[in-house]
């Protein structure tokens, strides 16, 4: 049986990771996440995004990806759960020990891996 990479949310209450799955695909390692905004009442700005960093089994940095964290909340439910997917080309589950997810309210110029060091 193949070991699943650990998926860790470092979100400081701004986002909740409800569930996650990883799978090997023809395009690389795919991480699918179901996330919900955290209990903080502020609406995320248009520049909000998620950074996902892949670390190897030995802890080495393997890659980083950013994805837009979604638009403004609906008037009904500002904490509606949303699914996000990130693909890491050329990575497979057996090479990855941990996937770290972080929420950022503002855009940054650094590459995702640089921003998370």
Protein backbone atom coordinates (compact mmCIF):
# COMPACT_ATOMS: atom_id res chain seq x y z
CA UNK A 1 0.00 0.00 0.00
CA UNK A 2 1.23 3.45 -0.94
CA UNK A 3 1.69 5.99 1.83
CA UNK A 4 -0.39 9.17 1.56
CA UNK A 5 1.48 12.47 1.91
CA UNK A 6 0.49 14.44 4.99
CA UNK A 7 -1.56 17.54 4.11
CA UNK A 8 -1.04 20.33 6.65
CA UNK A 9 -2.98 23.62 6.74
CA UNK A 10 -0.97 26.53 8.16
CA UNK A 11 -3.82 29.01 7.94
CA UNK A 12 -4.05 30.83 11.29
CA UNK A 13 -7.84 30.64 11.43
CA UNK A 14 -8.37 32.22 8.01
CA UNK A 15 -9.24 28.94 6.31
CA UNK A 16 -10.31 25.45 7.34
CA UNK A 17 -9.15 22.40 5.40
CA UNK A 18 -12.21 20.12 5.59
CA UNK A 19 -10.81 17.25 3.53
CA UNK A 20 -8.04 16.43 1.09
CA UNK A 21 -7.05 13.64 -1.26
CA UNK A 22 -3.93 13.03 -3.29
CA UNK A 23 -3.67 10.98 -6.46
CA UNK A 24 -1.07 10.19 -9.08
CA UNK A 25 -2.24 11.24 -12.55
CA UNK A 26 -0.71 11.37 -16.03
CA UNK A 27 -0.06 15.07 -15.34
CA UNK A 28 1.59 14.60 -11.93
CA UNK A 29 0.56 14.54 -8.29
CA UNK A 30 -2.92 16.04 -7.81
CA UNK A 31 -4.07 17.46 -4.47
CA UNK A 32 -7.82 18.04 -4.20
CA UNK A 33 -8.99 20.02 -1.19
CA UNK A 34 -12.34 20.99 0.23
CA UNK A 35 -11.81 24.26 2.10
CA UNK A 36 -13.96 26.77 3.91
CA UNK A 37 -13.17 30.28 5.07
CA UNK A 38 -12.31 30.42 8.71
CA UNK A 39 -14.30 32.15 11.43
CA UNK A 40 -12.64 35.53 10.84
CA UNK A 41 -15.39 37.82 9.53
CA UNK A 42 -13.39 39.84 6.98
CA UNK A 43 -14.07 39.20 3.30
CA UNK A 44 -10.92 38.03 1.53
CA UNK A 45 -9.54 40.57 -0.96
CA UNK A 46 -9.42 39.83 -4.70
CA UNK A 47 -5.69 39.09 -4.37
CA UNK A 48 -6.27 36.23 -1.88
CA UNK A 49 -4.69 32.91 -2.84
CA UNK A 50 -3.49 29.57 -1.52
CA UNK A 51 0.13 28.46 -1.67
CA UNK A 52 0.82 24.74 -1.61
CA UNK A 53 4.38 23.52 -1.06
CA UNK A 54 5.50 19.92 -1.60
CA UNK A 55 8.21 18.49 0.62
CA UNK A 56 9.97 15.18 0.03
CA UNK A 57 9.97 12.25 2.41
CA UNK A 58 13.30 13.55 3.77
CA UNK A 59 11.94 17.10 4.21
CA UNK A 60 13.51 18.65 1.09
CA UNK A 61 11.57 21.23 -0.93
CA UNK A 62 10.24 19.60 -4.12
CA UNK A 63 8.01 22.30 -5.56
CA UNK A 64 5.43 25.01 -4.92
CA UNK A 65 2.21 26.12 -6.57
CA UNK A 66 -0.24 28.98 -6.00
CA UNK A 67 -3.95 28.95 -6.70
CA UNK A 68 -6.51 31.69 -6.45
CA UNK A 69 -8.48 31.38 -3.21
CA UNK A 70 -11.85 32.16 -4.78
CA UNK A 71 -14.11 35.15 -5.15
CA UNK A 72 -16.21 37.05 -2.66
CA UNK A 73 -18.63 35.13 -0.47
CA UNK A 74 -22.28 34.83 -1.34
CA UNK A 75 -24.79 36.90 0.60
CA UNK A 76 -26.33 33.69 1.99
CA UNK A 77 -23.29 31.93 3.38
CA UNK A 78 -19.86 33.51 3.44
CA UNK A 79 -18.37 30.23 4.71
CA UNK A 80 -19.56 27.91 1.94
CA UNK A 81 -17.12 25.05 1.28
CA UNK A 82 -15.25 25.13 -2.03
CA UNK A 83 -13.07 22.54 -3.77
CA UNK A 84 -9.59 23.46 -5.05
CA UNK A 85 -7.14 21.36 -7.02
CA UNK A 86 -3.40 21.77 -7.47
CA UNK A 87 -1.22 19.58 -9.73
CA UNK A 88 2.52 19.14 -9.27
CA UNK A 89 3.96 17.92 -12.60
CA UNK A 90 6.61 15.22 -12.34
CA UNK A 91 5.85 14.44 -8.69
CA UNK A 92 4.31 11.22 -7.39
CA UNK A 93 2.84 10.29 -4.00
CA UNK A 94 5.78 8.04 -3.15
CA UNK A 95 8.21 10.99 -3.41
CA UNK A 96 6.16 13.44 -1.32
CA UNK A 97 6.09 13.33 2.48
CA UNK A 98 4.13 16.52 3.18
CA UNK A 99 1.99 19.09 1.36
CA UNK A 100 1.73 22.38 3.23
CA UNK A 101 -1.19 24.72 2.48
CA UNK A 102 -1.12 28.41 3.41
CA UNK A 103 -3.65 31.20 2.88
CA UNK A 104 -2.43 34.64 1.81
CA UNK A 105 -4.72 37.66 1.71
CA UNK A 106 -2.35 39.71 -0.46
CA UNK A 107 -0.47 38.98 -3.64
CA UNK A 108 3.28 38.64 -3.40
CA UNK A 109 6.05 38.88 -5.97
CA UNK A 110 8.11 36.00 -4.63
CA UNK A 111 7.65 32.48 -5.90
CA UNK A 112 5.42 30.41 -3.57
CA UNK A 113 8.41 28.44 -2.23
CA UNK A 114 10.25 31.65 -1.44
CA UNK A 115 7.27 33.16 0.35
CA UNK A 116 6.93 30.15 2.64
CA UNK A 117 10.53 29.76 3.78
